[in-house]
Amino acid sequence: MSDHSLGKTFWFTVTGSDPKNRPWSYHNGGHWPVLLWFLVAAAIKTDRLELASKALELAQSRLPKDQWPEYYDSRNGRLIGKEARRYQTWTVCGFLMAKELIANPDHLSLISFEKEPQVIHCVS
């Protein structure tokens, strides 16, 4: 038995036959456009603006055409999720937030922690 089929058998045994439990679908690796702004924020913080711009460019070409879906399926996120709802406000908001962060990177300070926050720990 190959490693791939062994993994598939293990996955089926563990998750059963619930269709939303397929690999790279829904909560098992689906692609959620609402998270775009987190990617852009991380890219800005790490000086990877080309990554942020590329992600936003891809989203701008796909999301309106796909009717702002809740999530995408498949390893590469090319299929609109089987159970995805369309015209999701959180998808639109994630996209708009990402555009705003690219246009005004200083806004990142509104949602970001200090570079080296003071660590507070419990003492017994």
PDB file of N, CA and C in Angstrom:
ATOM      1  N   MET A   1       0.848  -1.174   0.000  1.00  0.00           N
ATOM      2  CA  MET A   1       0.000   0.000   0.000  1.00  0.00           C
ATOM      3  C   MET A   1       0.896   1.239   0.000  1.00  0.00           C
ATOM      4  N   SER A   2       0.624   2.184  -0.884  1.00  0.00           N
ATOM      5  CA  SER A   2       1.444   3.389  -0.964  1.00  0.00           C
ATOM      6  C   SER A   2       1.160   4.307   0.231  1.00  0.00           C
ATOM      7  N   ASP A   3       2.098   5.229   0.473  1.00  0.00           N
ATOM      8  CA  ASP A   3       1.904   6.193   1.562  1.00  0.00           C
ATOM      9  C   ASP A   3       0.644   7.017   1.342  1.00  0.00           C
ATOM     10  N   HIS A   4       0.378   7.359   0.060  1.00  0.00           N
ATOM     11  CA  HIS A   4      -0.802   8.171  -0.258  1.00  0.00           C
ATOM     12  C   HIS A   4      -2.089   7.421   0.080  1.00  0.00           C
ATOM     13  N   SER A   5      -2.192   6.167  -0.345  1.00  0.00           N
ATOM     14  CA  SER A   5      -3.424   5.413  -0.065  1.00  0.00           C
ATOM     15  C   SER A   5      -3.542   5.084   1.420  1.00  0.00           C
ATOM     16  N   LEU A   6      -2.406   4.881   2.092  1.00  0.00           N
ATOM     17  CA  LEU A   6      -2.429   4.637   3.533  1.00  0.00           C
ATOM     18  C   LEU A   6      -2.969   5.872   4.255  1.00  0.00           C
ATOM     19  N   GLY A   7      -2.496   7.054   3.854  1.00  0.00           N
ATOM     20  CA  GLY A   7      -2.989   8.289   4.449  1.00  0.00           C
ATOM     21  C   GLY A   7      -4.464   8.487   4.183  1.00  0.00           C
ATOM     22  N   LYS A   8      -4.896   8.154   2.979  1.00  0.00           N
ATOM     23  CA  LYS A   8      -6.305   8.291   2.613  1.00  0.00           C
ATOM     24  C   LYS A   8      -7.165   7.348   3.444  1.00  0.00           C
ATOM     25  N   THR A   9      -6.697   6.113   3.647  1.00  0.00           N
ATOM     26  CA  THR A   9      -7.425   5.144   4.455  1.00  0.00           C
ATOM     27  C   THR A   9      -7.510   5.618   5.904  1.00  0.00           C
ATOM     28  N   PHE A  10      -6.396   6.118   6.434  1.00  0.00           N
ATOM     29  CA  PHE A  10      -6.382   6.632   7.798  1.00  0.00           C
ATOM     30  C   PHE A  10      -7.363   7.789   7.930  1.00  0.00           C
ATOM     31  N   TRP A  11      -7.313   8.721   6.954  1.00  0.00           N
ATOM     32  CA  TRP A  11      -8.202   9.874   6.991  1.00  0.00           C
ATOM     33  C   TRP A  11      -9.661   9.429   6.993  1.00  0.00           C
ATOM     34  N   PHE A  12     -10.021   8.466   6.132  1.00  0.00           N
ATOM     35  CA  PHE A  12     -11.405   8.019   6.057  1.00  0.00           C
ATOM     36  C   PHE A  12     -11.825   7.357   7.362  1.00  0.00           C
ATOM     37  N   THR A  13     -10.937   6.573   7.950  1.00  0.00           N
ATOM     38  CA  THR A  13     -11.239   5.894   9.210  1.00  0.00           C
ATOM     39  C   THR A  13     -11.473   6.909  10.331  1.00  0.00           C
ATOM     40  N   VAL A  14     -10.665   7.944  10.364  1.00  0.00           N
ATOM     41  CA  VAL A  14     -10.753   8.940  11.432  1.00  0.00           C
ATOM     42  C   VAL A  14     -11.950   9.873  11.244  1.00  0.00           C
ATOM     43  N   THR A  15     -12.200  10.317  10.011  1.00  0.00           N
ATOM     44  CA  THR A  15     -13.231  11.335   9.797  1.00  0.00           C
ATOM     45  C   THR A  15     -14.576  10.766   9.366  1.00  0.00           C
ATOM     46  N   GLY A  16     -14.618   9.540   8.893  1.00  0.00           N
ATOM     47  CA  GLY A  16     -15.868   8.973   8.396  1.00  0.00           C
ATOM     48  C   GLY A  16     -16.193   9.489   7.012  1.00  0.00           C
ATOM     49  N   SER A  17     -17.447   9.498   6.671  1.00  0.00           N
ATOM     50  CA  SER A  17     -17.809   9.842   5.296  1.00  0.00           C
ATOM     51  C   SER A  17     -18.488  11.204   5.174  1.00  0.00           C
ATOM     52  N   ASP A  18     -18.361  12.045   6.170  1.00  0.00           N
ATOM     53  CA  ASP A  18     -18.950  13.378   6.099  1.00  0.00           C
ATOM     54  C   ASP A  18     -18.265  14.148   4.962  1.00  0.00           C
ATOM     55  N   PRO A  19     -19.020  14.569   3.921  1.00  0.00           N
ATOM     56  CA  PRO A  19     -18.380  15.192   2.759  1.00  0.00           C
ATOM     57  C   PRO A  19     -17.606  16.473   3.054  1.00  0.00           C
ATOM     58  N   LYS A  20     -17.945  17.203   4.103  1.00  0.00           N
ATOM     59  CA  LYS A  20     -17.164  18.411   4.380  1.00  0.00           C
ATOM     60  C   LYS A  20     -15.839  18.078   5.066  1.00  0.00           C
ATOM     61  N   ASN A  21     -15.608  16.824   5.391  1.00  0.00           N
ATOM     62  CA  ASN A  21     -14.347  16.421   6.000  1.00  0.00           C
ATOM     63  C   ASN A  21     -13.333  15.913   4.986  1.00  0.00           C
ATOM     64  N   ARG A  22     -13.495  16.268   3.730  1.00  0.00           N
ATOM     65  CA  ARG A  22     -12.515  15.879   2.710  1.00  0.00           C
ATOM     66  C   ARG A  22     -11.247  16.696   2.900  1.00  0.00           C
ATOM     67  N   PRO A  23     -10.091  16.102   2.585  1.00  0.00           N
ATOM     68  CA  PRO A  23      -8.860  16.889   2.669  1.00  0.00           C
ATOM     69  C   PRO A  23      -8.948  18.118   1.767  1.00  0.00           C
ATOM     70  N   TRP A  24      -8.390  19.221   2.200  1.00  0.00           N
ATOM     71  CA  TRP A  24      -8.351  20.489   1.477  1.00  0.00           C
ATOM     72  C   TRP A  24      -9.751  21.044   1.215  1.00  0.00           C
ATOM     73  N   SER A  25     -10.668  20.751   2.111  1.00  0.00           N
ATOM     74  CA  SER A  25     -12.023  21.259   1.987  1.00  0.00           C
ATOM     75  C   SER A  25     -12.481  21.806   3.327  1.00  0.00           C
ATOM     76  N   TYR A  26     -13.268  22.852   3.276  1.00  0.00           N
ATOM     77  CA  TYR A  26     -13.870  23.469   4.438  1.00  0.00           C
ATOM     78  C   TYR A  26     -12.833  23.671   5.538  1.00  0.00           C
ATOM     79  N   HIS A  27     -12.983  23.046   6.695  1.00  0.00           N
ATOM     80  CA  HIS A  27     -12.060  23.293   7.801  1.00  0.00           C
ATOM     81  C   HIS A  27     -10.839  22.384   7.767  1.00  0.00           C
ATOM     82  N   ASN A  28     -10.715  21.522   6.774  1.00  0.00           N
ATOM     83  CA  ASN A  28      -9.545  20.642   6.655  1.00  0.00           C
ATOM     84  C   ASN A  28      -8.593  21.144   5.572  1.00  0.00           C
ATOM     85  N   GLY A  29      -8.358  22.421   5.553  1.00  0.00           N
ATOM     86  CA  GLY A  29      -7.393  22.975   4.605  1.00  0.00           C
ATOM     87  C   GLY A  29      -8.029  23.815   3.523  1.00  0.00           C
ATOM     88  N   GLY A  30      -9.314  24.116   3.616  1.00  0.00           N
ATOM     89  CA  GLY A  30      -9.937  24.990   2.628  1.00  0.00           C
ATOM     90  C   GLY A  30      -9.298  26.370   2.669  1.00  0.00           C
ATOM     91  N   HIS A  31      -9.468  27.117   1.605  1.00  0.00           N
ATOM     92  CA  HIS A  31      -8.889  28.450   1.489  1.00  0.00           C
ATOM     93  C   HIS A  31      -9.980  29.479   1.761  1.00  0.00           C
ATOM     94  N   TRP A  32      -9.766  30.312   2.767  1.00  0.00           N
ATOM     95  CA  TRP A  32     -10.773  31.262   3.230  1.00  0.00           C
ATOM     96  C   TRP A  32     -10.335  32.672   2.874  1.00  0.00           C
ATOM     97  N   PRO A  33     -11.015  33.330   1.911  1.00  0.00           N
ATOM     98  CA  PRO A  33     -10.620  34.683   1.505  1.00  0.00           C
ATOM     99  C   PRO A  33     -10.632  35.707   2.628  1.00  0.00           C
ATOM    100  N   VAL A  34     -11.427  35.491   3.679  1.00  0.00           N
ATOM    101  CA  VAL A  34     -11.454  36.435   4.788  1.00  0.00           C
ATOM    102  C   VAL A  34     -10.070  36.573   5.422  1.00  0.00           C
ATOM    103  N   LEU A  35      -9.236  35.568   5.283  1.00  0.00           N
ATOM    104  CA  LEU A  35      -7.900  35.597   5.883  1.00  0.00           C
ATOM    105  C   LEU A  35      -6.887  36.378   5.051  1.00  0.00           C
ATOM    106  N   LEU A  36      -7.308  36.879   3.901  1.00  0.00           N
ATOM    107  CA  LEU A  36      -6.409  37.635   3.032  1.00  0.00           C
ATOM    108  C   LEU A  36      -5.760  38.807   3.761  1.00  0.00           C
ATOM    109  N   TRP A  37      -6.518  39.506   4.574  1.00  0.00           N
ATOM    110  CA  TRP A  37      -5.940  40.674   5.249  1.00  0.00           C
ATOM    111  C   TRP A  37      -4.874  40.266   6.255  1.00  0.00           C
ATOM    112  N   PHE A  38      -4.987  39.083   6.862  1.00  0.00           N
ATOM    113  CA  PHE A  38      -3.929  38.607   7.765  1.00  0.00           C
ATOM    114  C   PHE A  38      -2.648  38.321   6.983  1.00  0.00           C
ATOM    115  N   LEU A  39      -2.802  37.734   5.801  1.00  0.00           N
ATOM    116  CA  LEU A  39      -1.637  37.471   4.951  1.00  0.00           C
ATOM    117  C   LEU A  39      -0.965  38.780   4.558  1.00  0.00           C
ATOM    118  N   VAL A  40      -1.754  39.749   4.150  1.00  0.00           N
ATOM    119  CA  VAL A  40      -1.209  41.048   3.761  1.00  0.00           C
ATOM    120  C   VAL A  40      -0.531  41.721   4.953  1.00  0.00           C
ATOM    121  N   ALA A  41      -1.147  41.660   6.116  1.00  0.00           N
ATOM    122  CA  ALA A  41      -0.541  42.251   7.316  1.00  0.00           C
ATOM    123  C   ALA A  41       0.808  41.586   7.624  1.00  0.00           C
ATOM    124  N   ALA A  42       0.857  40.261   7.555  1.00  0.00           N
ATOM    125  CA  ALA A  42       2.115  39.549   7.819  1.00  0.00           C
ATOM    126  C   ALA A  42       3.162  39.894   6.761  1.00  0.00           C
ATOM    127  N   ALA A  43       2.738  40.007   5.512  1.00  0.00           N
ATOM    128  CA  ALA A  43       3.671  40.352   4.438  1.00  0.00           C
ATOM    129  C   ALA A  43       4.249  41.757   4.640  1.00  0.00           C
ATOM    130  N   ILE A  44       3.408  42.676   5.058  1.00  0.00           N
ATOM    131  CA  ILE A  44       3.886  44.047   5.327  1.00  0.00           C
ATOM    132  C   ILE A  44       4.874  44.030   6.484  1.00  0.00           C
ATOM    133  N   LYS A  45       4.541  43.321   7.567  1.00  0.00           N
ATOM    134  CA  LYS A  45       5.424  43.272   8.744  1.00  0.00           C
ATOM    135  C   LYS A  45       6.783  42.667   8.426  1.00  0.00           C
ATOM    136  N   THR A  46       6.820  41.754   7.445  1.00  0.00           N
ATOM    137  CA  THR A  46       8.075  41.069   7.110  1.00  0.00           C
ATOM    138  C   THR A  46       8.710  41.610   5.832  1.00  0.00           C
ATOM    139  N   ASP A  47       8.256  42.789   5.413  1.00  0.00           N
ATOM    140  CA  ASP A  47       8.784  43.431   4.197  1.00  0.00           C
ATOM    141  C   ASP A  47       8.695  42.545   2.963  1.00  0.00           C
ATOM    142  N   ARG A  48       7.585  41.848   2.818  1.00  0.00           N
ATOM    143  CA  ARG A  48       7.338  41.005   1.633  1.00  0.00           C
ATOM    144  C   ARG A  48       6.166  41.595   0.842  1.00  0.00           C
ATOM    145  N   LEU A  49       6.286  42.847   0.477  1.00  0.00           N
ATOM    146  CA  LEU A  49       5.198  43.556  -0.209  1.00  0.00           C
ATOM    147  C   LEU A  49       4.829  42.913  -1.542  1.00  0.00           C
ATOM    148  N   GLU A  50       5.806  42.269  -2.201  1.00  0.00           N
ATOM    149  CA  GLU A  50       5.497  41.607  -3.469  1.00  0.00           C
ATOM    150  C   GLU A  50       4.522  40.454  -3.251  1.00  0.00           C
ATOM    151  N   LEU A  51       4.648  39.754  -2.124  1.00  0.00           N
ATOM    152  CA  LEU A  51       3.722  38.668  -1.788  1.00  0.00           C
ATOM    153  C   LEU A  51       2.326  39.232  -1.538  1.00  0.00           C
ATOM    154  N   ALA A  52       2.241  40.312  -0.798  1.00  0.00           N
ATOM    155  CA  ALA A  52       0.957  40.948  -0.513  1.00  0.00           C
ATOM    156  C   ALA A  52       0.296  41.430  -1.799  1.00  0.00           C
ATOM    157  N   SER A  53       1.063  42.071  -2.668  1.00  0.00           N
ATOM    158  CA  SER A  53       0.514  42.584  -3.925  1.00  0.00           C
ATOM    159  C   SER A  53       0.031  41.455  -4.820  1.00  0.00           C
ATOM    160  N   LYS A  54       0.789  40.381  -4.890  1.00  0.00           N
ATOM    161  CA  LYS A  54       0.396  39.247  -5.729  1.00  0.00           C
ATOM    162  C   LYS A  54      -0.890  38.600  -5.209  1.00  0.00           C
ATOM    163  N   ALA A  55      -0.990  38.428  -3.896  1.00  0.00           N
ATOM    164  CA  ALA A  55      -2.193  37.830  -3.300  1.00  0.00           C
ATOM    165  C   ALA A  55      -3.407  38.719  -3.550  1.00  0.00           C
ATOM    166  N   LEU A  56      -3.238  40.022  -3.395  1.00  0.00           N
ATOM    167  CA  LEU A  56      -4.348  40.945  -3.611  1.00  0.00           C
ATOM    168  C   LEU A  56      -4.755  40.981  -5.084  1.00  0.00           C
ATOM    169  N   GLU A  57      -3.784  40.941  -5.968  1.00  0.00           N
ATOM    170  CA  GLU A  57      -4.070  40.922  -7.402  1.00  0.00           C
ATOM    171  C   GLU A  57      -4.869  39.671  -7.784  1.00  0.00           C
ATOM    172  N   LEU A  58      -4.463  38.531  -7.259  1.00  0.00           N
ATOM    173  CA  LEU A  58      -5.181  37.284  -7.526  1.00  0.00           C
ATOM    174  C   LEU A  58      -6.605  37.346  -6.973  1.00  0.00           C
ATOM    175  N   ALA A  59      -6.743  37.838  -5.754  1.00  0.00           N
ATOM    176  CA  ALA A  59      -8.071  37.944  -5.138  1.00  0.00           C
ATOM    177  C   ALA A  59      -8.962  38.900  -5.927  1.00  0.00           C
ATOM    178  N   GLN A  60      -8.388  39.999  -6.389  1.00  0.00           N
ATOM    179  CA  GLN A  60      -9.173  40.987  -7.132  1.00  0.00           C
ATOM    180  C   GLN A  60      -9.669  40.414  -8.457  1.00  0.00           C
ATOM    181  N   SER A  61      -8.911  39.513  -9.043  1.00  0.00           N
ATOM    182  CA  SER A  61      -9.344  38.921 -10.309  1.00  0.00           C
ATOM    183  C   SER A  61     -10.354  37.788 -10.108  1.00  0.00           C
ATOM    184  N   ARG A  62     -10.324  37.136  -8.948  1.00  0.00           N
ATOM    185  CA  ARG A  62     -11.184  35.974  -8.728  1.00  0.00           C
ATOM    186  C   ARG A  62     -12.447  36.246  -7.932  1.00  0.00           C
ATOM    187  N   LEU A  63     -12.335  36.956  -6.815  1.00  0.00           N
ATOM    188  CA  LEU A  63     -13.460  37.075  -5.882  1.00  0.00           C
ATOM    189  C   LEU A  63     -14.729  37.677  -6.496  1.00  0.00           C
ATOM    190  N   PRO A  64     -14.647  38.819  -7.186  1.00  0.00           N
ATOM    191  CA  PRO A  64     -15.892  39.356  -7.759  1.00  0.00           C
ATOM    192  C   PRO A  64     -16.510  38.410  -8.792  1.00  0.00           C
ATOM    193  N   LYS A  65     -15.653  37.820  -9.625  1.00  0.00           N
ATOM    194  CA  LYS A  65     -16.133  36.899 -10.661  1.00  0.00           C
ATOM    195  C   LYS A  65     -16.790  35.661 -10.036  1.00  0.00           C
ATOM    196  N   ASP A  66     -16.249  35.201  -8.908  1.00  0.00           N
ATOM    197  CA  ASP A  66     -16.778  34.010  -8.227  1.00  0.00           C
ATOM    198  C   ASP A  66     -17.899  34.348  -7.248  1.00  0.00           C
ATOM    199  N   GLN A  67     -18.327  35.590  -7.215  1.00  0.00           N
ATOM    200  CA  GLN A  67     -19.425  36.059  -6.367  1.00  0.00           C
ATOM    201  C   GLN A  67     -19.092  35.999  -4.873  1.00  0.00           C
ATOM    202  N   TRP A  68     -17.866  36.388  -4.521  1.00  0.00           N
ATOM    203  CA  TRP A  68     -17.424  36.538  -3.139  1.00  0.00           C
ATOM    204  C   TRP A  68     -17.730  35.309  -2.275  1.00  0.00           C
ATOM    205  N   PRO A  69     -17.199  34.136  -2.661  1.00  0.00           N
ATOM    206  CA  PRO A  69     -17.521  32.916  -1.910  1.00  0.00           C
ATOM    207  C   PRO A  69     -16.903  32.884  -0.515  1.00  0.00           C
ATOM    208  N   GLU A  70     -17.510  32.066   0.315  1.00  0.00           N
ATOM    209  CA  GLU A  70     -17.070  31.884   1.698  1.00  0.00           C
ATOM    210  C   GLU A  70     -15.698  31.220   1.762  1.00  0.00           C
ATOM    211  N   TYR A  71     -15.481  30.207   0.936  1.00  0.00           N
ATOM    212  CA  TYR A  71     -14.199  29.503   0.918  1.00  0.00           C
ATOM    213  C   TYR A  71     -14.015  28.773  -0.407  1.00  0.00           C
ATOM    214  N   TYR A  72     -12.770  28.369  -0.664  1.00  0.00           N
ATOM    215  CA  TYR A  72     -12.413  27.577  -1.843  1.00  0.00           C
ATOM    216  C   TYR A  72     -11.905  26.225  -1.379  1.00  0.00           C
ATOM    217  N   ASP A  73     -12.114  25.216  -2.214  1.00  0.00           N
ATOM    218  CA  ASP A  73     -11.614  23.862  -1.957  1.00  0.00           C
ATOM    219  C   ASP A  73     -10.396  23.575  -2.836  1.00  0.00           C
ATOM    220  N   SER A  74      -9.747  22.496  -2.566  1.00  0.00           N
ATOM    221  CA  SER A  74      -8.623  21.894  -3.292  1.00  0.00           C
ATOM    222  C   SER A  74      -7.301  22.408  -2.737  1.00  0.00           C
ATOM    223  N   ARG A  75      -6.284  21.643  -2.984  1.00  0.00           N
ATOM    224  CA  ARG A  75      -4.951  21.977  -2.479  1.00  0.00           C
ATOM    225  C   ARG A  75      -4.519  23.379  -2.919  1.00  0.00           C
ATOM    226  N   ASN A  76      -4.883  23.768  -4.137  1.00  0.00           N
ATOM    227  CA  ASN A  76      -4.484  25.070  -4.658  1.00  0.00           C
ATOM    228  C   ASN A  76      -5.587  26.121  -4.568  1.00  0.00           C
ATOM    229  N   GLY A  77      -6.717  25.776  -3.987  1.00  0.00           N
ATOM    230  CA  GLY A  77      -7.795  26.737  -3.798  1.00  0.00           C
ATOM    231  C   GLY A  77      -8.424  27.229  -5.083  1.00  0.00           C
ATOM    232  N   ARG A  78      -8.558  26.348  -6.052  1.00  0.00           N
ATOM    233  CA  ARG A  78      -9.104  26.763  -7.347  1.00  0.00           C
ATOM    234  C   ARG A  78     -10.584  26.467  -7.516  1.00  0.00           C
ATOM    235  N   LEU A  79     -11.163  25.680  -6.632  1.00  0.00           N
ATOM    236  CA  LEU A  79     -12.575  25.318  -6.745  1.00  0.00           C
ATOM    237  C   LEU A  79     -13.385  26.052  -5.690  1.00  0.00           C
ATOM    238  N   ILE A  80     -14.486  26.635  -6.074  1.00  0.00           N
ATOM    239  CA  ILE A  80     -15.357  27.266  -5.085  1.00  0.00           C
ATOM    240  C   ILE A  80     -15.856  26.162  -4.166  1.00  0.00           C
ATOM    241  N   GLY A  81     -15.828  26.383  -2.875  1.00  0.00           N
ATOM    242  CA  GLY A  81     -16.204  25.361  -1.908  1.00  0.00           C
ATOM    243  C   GLY A  81     -17.561  24.736  -2.190  1.00  0.00           C
ATOM    244  N   LYS A  82     -17.620  23.432  -2.011  1.00  0.00           N
ATOM    245  CA  LYS A  82     -18.841  22.687  -2.302  1.00  0.00           C
ATOM    246  C   LYS A  82     -20.038  23.209  -1.519  1.00  0.00           C
ATOM    247  N   GLU A  83     -19.819  23.635  -0.290  1.00  0.00           N
ATOM    248  CA  GLU A  83     -20.891  24.156   0.558  1.00  0.00           C
ATOM    249  C   GLU A  83     -20.763  25.661   0.784  1.00  0.00           C
ATOM    250  N   ALA A  84     -19.921  26.320  -0.012  1.00  0.00           N
ATOM    251  CA  ALA A  84     -19.659  27.748   0.196  1.00  0.00           C
ATOM    252  C   ALA A  84     -20.880  28.588  -0.131  1.00  0.00           C
ATOM    253  N   ARG A  85     -21.129  29.553   0.707  1.00  0.00           N
ATOM    254  CA  ARG A  85     -22.179  30.530   0.456  1.00  0.00           C
ATOM    255  C   ARG A  85     -21.562  31.667  -0.356  1.00  0.00           C
ATOM    256  N   ARG A  86     -22.361  32.316  -1.193  1.00  0.00           N
ATOM    257  CA  ARG A  86     -21.878  33.413  -2.035  1.00  0.00           C
ATOM    258  C   ARG A  86     -22.204  34.753  -1.381  1.00  0.00           C
ATOM    259  N   TYR A  87     -21.553  35.787  -1.873  1.00  0.00           N
ATOM    260  CA  TYR A  87     -21.745  37.164  -1.401  1.00  0.00           C
ATOM    261  C   TYR A  87     -21.597  37.283   0.113  1.00  0.00           C
ATOM    262  N   GLN A  88     -20.498  36.759   0.612  1.00  0.00           N
ATOM    263  CA  GLN A  88     -20.225  36.784   2.047  1.00  0.00           C
ATOM    264  C   GLN A  88     -19.588  38.112   2.452  1.00  0.00           C
ATOM    265  N   THR A  89     -20.192  38.775   3.413  1.00  0.00           N
ATOM    266  CA  THR A  89     -19.656  40.068   3.848  1.00  0.00           C
ATOM    267  C   THR A  89     -18.256  39.923   4.428  1.00  0.00           C
ATOM    268  N   TRP A  90     -17.955  38.818   5.092  1.00  0.00           N
ATOM    269  CA  TRP A  90     -16.617  38.669   5.666  1.00  0.00           C
ATOM    270  C   TRP A  90     -15.569  38.486   4.579  1.00  0.00           C
ATOM    271  N   THR A  91     -15.944  37.903   3.439  1.00  0.00           N
ATOM    272  CA  THR A  91     -15.020  37.795   2.306  1.00  0.00           C
ATOM    273  C   THR A  91     -14.746  39.186   1.745  1.00  0.00           C
ATOM    274  N   VAL A  92     -15.805  39.969   1.564  1.00  0.00           N
ATOM    275  CA  VAL A  92     -15.653  41.333   1.048  1.00  0.00           C
ATOM    276  C   VAL A  92     -14.829  42.175   2.031  1.00  0.00           C
ATOM    277  N   CYS A  93     -15.127  42.073   3.316  1.00  0.00           N
ATOM    278  CA  CYS A  93     -14.393  42.851   4.326  1.00  0.00           C
ATOM    279  C   CYS A  93     -12.918  42.484   4.365  1.00  0.00           C
ATOM    280  N   GLY A  94     -12.595  41.193   4.295  1.00  0.00           N
ATOM    281  CA  GLY A  94     -11.199  40.766   4.278  1.00  0.00           C
ATOM    282  C   GLY A  94     -10.457  41.343   3.087  1.00  0.00           C
ATOM    283  N   PHE A  95     -11.134  41.357   1.934  1.00  0.00           N
ATOM    284  CA  PHE A  95     -10.552  41.921   0.712  1.00  0.00           C
ATOM    285  C   PHE A  95     -10.334  43.431   0.861  1.00  0.00           C
ATOM    286  N   LEU A  96     -11.357  44.138   1.337  1.00  0.00           N
ATOM    287  CA  LEU A  96     -11.245  45.596   1.497  1.00  0.00           C
ATOM    288  C   LEU A  96     -10.181  45.972   2.523  1.00  0.00           C
ATOM    289  N   MET A  97     -10.103  45.196   3.599  1.00  0.00           N
ATOM    290  CA  MET A  97      -9.086  45.454   4.622  1.00  0.00           C
ATOM    291  C   MET A  97      -7.685  45.257   4.032  1.00  0.00           C
ATOM    292  N   ALA A  98      -7.523  44.195   3.231  1.00  0.00           N
ATOM    293  CA  ALA A  98      -6.227  43.943   2.588  1.00  0.00           C
ATOM    294  C   ALA A  98      -5.856  45.096   1.655  1.00  0.00           C
ATOM    295  N   LYS A  99      -6.811  45.576   0.864  1.00  0.00           N
ATOM    296  CA  LYS A  99      -6.546  46.717  -0.034  1.00  0.00           C
ATOM    297  C   LYS A  99      -6.146  47.959   0.764  1.00  0.00           C
ATOM    298  N   GLU A 100      -6.824  48.197   1.866  1.00  0.00           N
ATOM    299  CA  GLU A 100      -6.521  49.366   2.692  1.00  0.00           C
ATOM    300  C   GLU A 100      -5.122  49.262   3.304  1.00  0.00           C
ATOM    301  N   LEU A 101      -4.756  48.070   3.753  1.00  0.00           N
ATOM    302  CA  LEU A 101      -3.420  47.890   4.329  1.00  0.00           C
ATOM    303  C   LEU A 101      -2.324  48.099   3.290  1.00  0.00           C
ATOM    304  N   ILE A 102      -2.571  47.650   2.058  1.00  0.00           N
ATOM    305  CA  ILE A 102      -1.584  47.860   0.990  1.00  0.00           C
ATOM    306  C   ILE A 102      -1.472  49.358   0.676  1.00  0.00           C
ATOM    307  N   ALA A 103      -2.615  50.024   0.595  1.00  0.00           N
ATOM    308  CA  ALA A 103      -2.621  51.446   0.260  1.00  0.00           C
ATOM    309  C   ALA A 103      -2.040  52.302   1.385  1.00  0.00           C
ATOM    310  N   ASN A 104      -2.254  51.888   2.635  1.00  0.00           N
ATOM    311  CA  ASN A 104      -1.806  52.652   3.803  1.00  0.00           C
ATOM    312  C   ASN A 104      -1.174  51.714   4.833  1.00  0.00           C
ATOM    313  N   PRO A 105       0.057  51.267   4.601  1.00  0.00           N
ATOM    314  CA  PRO A 105       0.700  50.329   5.523  1.00  0.00           C
ATOM    315  C   PRO A 105       0.790  50.829   6.961  1.00  0.00           C
ATOM    316  N   ASP A 106       0.710  52.151   7.167  1.00  0.00           N
ATOM    317  CA  ASP A 106       0.751  52.688   8.531  1.00  0.00           C
ATOM    318  C   ASP A 106      -0.447  52.227   9.361  1.00  0.00           C
ATOM    319  N   HIS A 107      -1.532  51.860   8.696  1.00  0.00           N
ATOM    320  CA  HIS A 107      -2.726  51.368   9.417  1.00  0.00           C
ATOM    321  C   HIS A 107      -2.456  50.056  10.143  1.00  0.00           C
ATOM    322  N   LEU A 108      -1.384  49.376   9.770  1.00  0.00           N
ATOM    323  CA  LEU A 108      -1.043  48.116  10.438  1.00  0.00           C
ATOM    324  C   LEU A 108      -0.843  48.329  11.933  1.00  0.00           C
ATOM    325  N   SER A 109      -0.398  49.508  12.307  1.00  0.00           N
ATOM    326  CA  SER A 109      -0.185  49.794  13.737  1.00  0.00           C
ATOM    327  C   SER A 109      -1.495  49.754  14.527  1.00  0.00           C
ATOM    328  N   LEU A 110      -2.620  49.903  13.859  1.00  0.00           N
ATOM    329  CA  LEU A 110      -3.918  49.851  14.541  1.00  0.00           C
ATOM    330  C   LEU A 110      -4.291  48.432  14.966  1.00  0.00           C
ATOM    331  N   ILE A 111      -3.710  47.437  14.318  1.00  0.00           N
ATOM    332  CA  ILE A 111      -4.079  46.044  14.584  1.00  0.00           C
ATOM    333  C   ILE A 111      -2.895  45.173  14.968  1.00  0.00           C
ATOM    334  N   SER A 112      -1.757  45.777  15.192  1.00  0.00           N
ATOM    335  CA  SER A 112      -0.541  45.016  15.421  1.00  0.00           C
ATOM    336  C   SER A 112      -0.029  45.216  16.844  1.00  0.00           C
ATOM    337  N   PHE A 113       0.633  44.197  17.353  1.00  0.00           N
ATOM    338  CA  PHE A 113       1.270  44.291  18.658  1.00  0.00           C
ATOM    339  C   PHE A 113       2.646  44.910  18.502  1.00  0.00           C
ATOM    340  N   GLU A 114       3.204  45.335  19.604  1.00  0.00           N
ATOM    341  CA  GLU A 114       4.569  45.850  19.593  1.00  0.00           C
ATOM    342  C   GLU A 114       5.493  44.756  19.080  1.00  0.00           C
ATOM    343  N   LYS A 115       6.641  45.182  18.564  1.00  0.00           N
ATOM    344  CA  LYS A 115       7.598  44.201  18.056  1.00  0.00           C
ATOM    345  C   LYS A 115       8.029  43.227  19.140  1.00  0.00           C
ATOM    346  N   GLU A 116       8.342  43.728  20.301  1.00  0.00           N
ATOM    347  CA  GLU A 116       8.771  42.882  21.406  1.00  0.00           C
ATOM    348  C   GLU A 116       7.901  43.192  22.620  1.00  0.00           C
ATOM    349  N   PRO A 117       6.702  42.606  22.664  1.00  0.00           N
ATOM    350  CA  PRO A 117       5.810  42.921  23.789  1.00  0.00           C
ATOM    351  C   PRO A 117       6.391  42.426  25.111  1.00  0.00           C
ATOM    352  N   GLN A 118       6.033  43.108  26.169  1.00  0.00           N
ATOM    353  CA  GLN A 118       6.469  42.692  27.493  1.00  0.00           C
ATOM    354  C   GLN A 118       5.767  41.380  27.819  1.00  0.00           C
ATOM    355  N   VAL A 119       6.505  40.403  28.243  1.00  0.00           N
ATOM    356  CA  VAL A 119       5.926  39.113  28.579  1.00  0.00           C
ATOM    357  C   VAL A 119       5.461  39.129  30.023  1.00  0.00           C
ATOM    358  N   ILE A 120       4.214  38.777  30.218  1.00  0.00           N
ATOM    359  CA  ILE A 120       3.651  38.706  31.561  1.00  0.00           C
ATOM    360  C   ILE A 120       3.418  37.229  31.860  1.00  0.00           C
ATOM    361  N   HIS A 121       3.981  36.733  32.922  1.00  0.00           N
ATOM    362  CA  HIS A 121       3.821  35.322  33.239  1.00  0.00           C
ATOM    363  C   HIS A 121       3.339  35.145  34.672  1.00  0.00           C
ATOM    364  N   CYS A 122       2.761  33.991  34.900  1.00  0.00           N
ATOM    365  CA  CYS A 122       2.246  33.673  36.241  1.00  0.00           C
ATOM    366  C   CYS A 122       3.390  33.211  37.127  1.00  0.00           C
ATOM    367  N   VAL A 123       3.307  33.571  38.363  1.00  0.00           N
ATOM    368  CA  VAL A 123       4.295  33.132  39.327  1.00  0.00           C
ATOM    369  C   VAL A 123       3.559  32.325  40.403  1.00  0.00           C
ATOM    370  N   SER A 124       4.096  31.137  40.687  1.00  0.00           N
ATOM    371  CA  SER A 124       3.403  30.318  41.701  1.00  0.00           C
ATOM    372  C   SER A 124       3.989  30.495  43.064  1.00  0.00           C
TER     373      SER A 124
END
